[in-house]
Amino acid sequence: MFSFALSGLLFLRIKEHSFLLFYERNVAFTANVFVHGISRRTWKKD
């Protein structure tokens, strides 16, 4: 029973970690697109 609970906790931790990694990657990607979009607009203005 103890080992089962431990493995469950470990699985949750891994799931949480991968979700955080996915979230961080998404945020970075969105920020990159946003910045590139702004720089493109300023280039068009010139």
N, C-alpha and C. Protein backbone atom coordinates (compact mmCIF):
# COMPACT_ATOMS: atom_id res chain seq x y z
N MET A 1 0.84 -1.20 0.00
CA MET A 1 0.00 0.00 0.00
C MET A 1 0.88 1.26 0.00
N PHE A 2 1.93 1.24 0.81
CA PHE A 2 2.81 2.42 0.89
C PHE A 2 3.50 2.68 -0.44
N SER A 3 4.02 1.61 -1.06
CA SER A 3 4.73 1.77 -2.33
C SER A 3 3.77 2.27 -3.41
N PHE A 4 2.51 1.83 -3.35
CA PHE A 4 1.52 2.27 -4.32
C PHE A 4 1.28 3.77 -4.21
N ALA A 5 1.15 4.24 -2.96
CA ALA A 5 0.93 5.66 -2.73
C ALA A 5 2.16 6.45 -3.19
N LEU A 6 3.34 5.90 -2.95
CA LEU A 6 4.56 6.58 -3.33
C LEU A 6 4.66 6.73 -4.85
N SER A 7 4.34 5.63 -5.57
CA SER A 7 4.40 5.68 -7.02
C SER A 7 3.36 6.65 -7.56
N GLY A 8 2.19 6.71 -6.88
CA GLY A 8 1.16 7.65 -7.30
C GLY A 8 1.63 9.09 -7.15
N LEU A 9 2.29 9.36 -6.02
CA LEU A 9 2.83 10.70 -5.79
C LEU A 9 3.87 11.06 -6.85
N LEU A 10 4.75 10.10 -7.13
CA LEU A 10 5.80 10.32 -8.12
C LEU A 10 5.19 10.62 -9.48
N PHE A 11 4.15 9.85 -9.86
CA PHE A 11 3.48 10.06 -11.14
C PHE A 11 2.89 11.45 -11.20
N LEU A 12 2.26 11.88 -10.11
CA LEU A 12 1.67 13.22 -10.07
C LEU A 12 2.74 14.29 -10.23
N ARG A 13 3.86 14.07 -9.58
CA ARG A 13 4.95 15.04 -9.67
C ARG A 13 5.47 15.16 -11.10
N ILE A 14 5.62 13.99 -11.76
CA ILE A 14 6.11 13.99 -13.13
C ILE A 14 5.11 14.67 -14.05
N LYS A 15 3.82 14.37 -13.83
CA LYS A 15 2.78 14.99 -14.65
C LYS A 15 2.81 16.51 -14.47
N GLU A 16 2.90 16.93 -13.22
CA GLU A 16 2.93 18.36 -12.90
C GLU A 16 4.13 19.02 -13.57
N HIS A 17 5.28 18.35 -13.50
CA HIS A 17 6.51 18.90 -14.06
C HIS A 17 6.39 19.06 -15.58
N SER A 18 5.87 18.02 -16.25
CA SER A 18 5.75 18.09 -17.70
C SER A 18 4.75 19.18 -18.09
N PHE A 19 3.69 19.34 -17.29
CA PHE A 19 2.71 20.39 -17.57
C PHE A 19 3.36 21.76 -17.45
N LEU A 20 4.18 21.94 -16.41
CA LEU A 20 4.85 23.22 -16.22
C LEU A 20 5.80 23.50 -17.38
N LEU A 21 6.53 22.46 -17.82
CA LEU A 21 7.44 22.62 -18.95
C LEU A 21 6.66 23.02 -20.19
N PHE A 22 5.54 22.35 -20.43
CA PHE A 22 4.70 22.64 -21.59
C PHE A 22 4.19 24.08 -21.51
N TYR A 23 3.75 24.49 -20.32
CA TYR A 23 3.23 25.83 -20.11
C TYR A 23 4.31 26.88 -20.37
N GLU A 24 5.51 26.64 -19.82
CA GLU A 24 6.61 27.58 -20.01
C GLU A 24 6.96 27.72 -21.49
N ARG A 25 6.98 26.56 -22.20
CA ARG A 25 7.31 26.58 -23.62
C ARG A 25 6.27 27.37 -24.39
N ASN A 26 5.00 27.19 -24.02
CA ASN A 26 3.92 27.90 -24.70
C ASN A 26 4.04 29.40 -24.47
N VAL A 27 4.33 29.79 -23.23
CA VAL A 27 4.46 31.21 -22.90
C VAL A 27 5.62 31.82 -23.68
N ALA A 28 6.75 31.10 -23.74
CA ALA A 28 7.92 31.61 -24.46
C ALA A 28 7.60 31.75 -25.94
N PHE A 29 6.92 30.77 -26.49
CA PHE A 29 6.56 30.79 -27.91
C PHE A 29 5.64 31.97 -28.20
N THR A 30 4.63 32.16 -27.36
CA THR A 30 3.69 33.27 -27.54
C THR A 30 4.41 34.61 -27.45
N ALA A 31 5.33 34.73 -26.50
CA ALA A 31 6.08 35.97 -26.34
C ALA A 31 6.93 36.23 -27.58
N ASN A 32 7.56 35.18 -28.12
CA ASN A 32 8.37 35.34 -29.33
C ASN A 32 7.54 35.82 -30.49
N VAL A 33 6.39 35.18 -30.70
CA VAL A 33 5.50 35.57 -31.80
C VAL A 33 5.06 37.02 -31.62
N PHE A 34 4.71 37.38 -30.40
CA PHE A 34 4.25 38.73 -30.09
C PHE A 34 5.33 39.75 -30.43
N VAL A 35 6.56 39.47 -29.96
CA VAL A 35 7.67 40.40 -30.20
C VAL A 35 7.97 40.51 -31.68
N HIS A 36 7.96 39.37 -32.38
CA HIS A 36 8.24 39.39 -33.81
C HIS A 36 7.15 40.17 -34.55
N GLY A 37 5.90 40.01 -34.12
CA GLY A 37 4.80 40.74 -34.75
C GLY A 37 4.98 42.24 -34.57
N ILE A 38 5.38 42.67 -33.38
CA ILE A 38 5.58 44.10 -33.10
C ILE A 38 6.74 44.63 -33.95
N SER A 39 7.85 43.89 -34.00
CA SER A 39 9.00 44.36 -34.77
C SER A 39 8.66 44.44 -36.26
N ARG A 40 7.85 43.50 -36.74
CA ARG A 40 7.44 43.54 -38.16
C ARG A 40 6.61 44.77 -38.43
N ARG A 41 5.73 45.12 -37.50
CA ARG A 41 4.88 46.30 -37.68
C ARG A 41 5.73 47.57 -37.71
N THR A 42 6.71 47.65 -36.82
CA THR A 42 7.55 48.85 -36.79
C THR A 42 8.38 48.93 -38.07
N TRP A 43 8.82 47.76 -38.58
CA TRP A 43 9.58 47.76 -39.83
C TRP A 43 8.72 48.27 -40.97
N LYS A 44 7.45 47.84 -41.00
CA LYS A 44 6.55 48.27 -42.07
C LYS A 44 6.33 49.78 -42.01
N LYS A 45 6.27 50.31 -40.79
CA LYS A 45 6.06 51.75 -40.63
C LYS A 45 7.21 52.53 -41.27
N ASP A 46 8.44 52.03 -41.08
CA ASP A 46 9.60 52.72 -41.67
C ASP A 46 9.58 52.49 -43.18
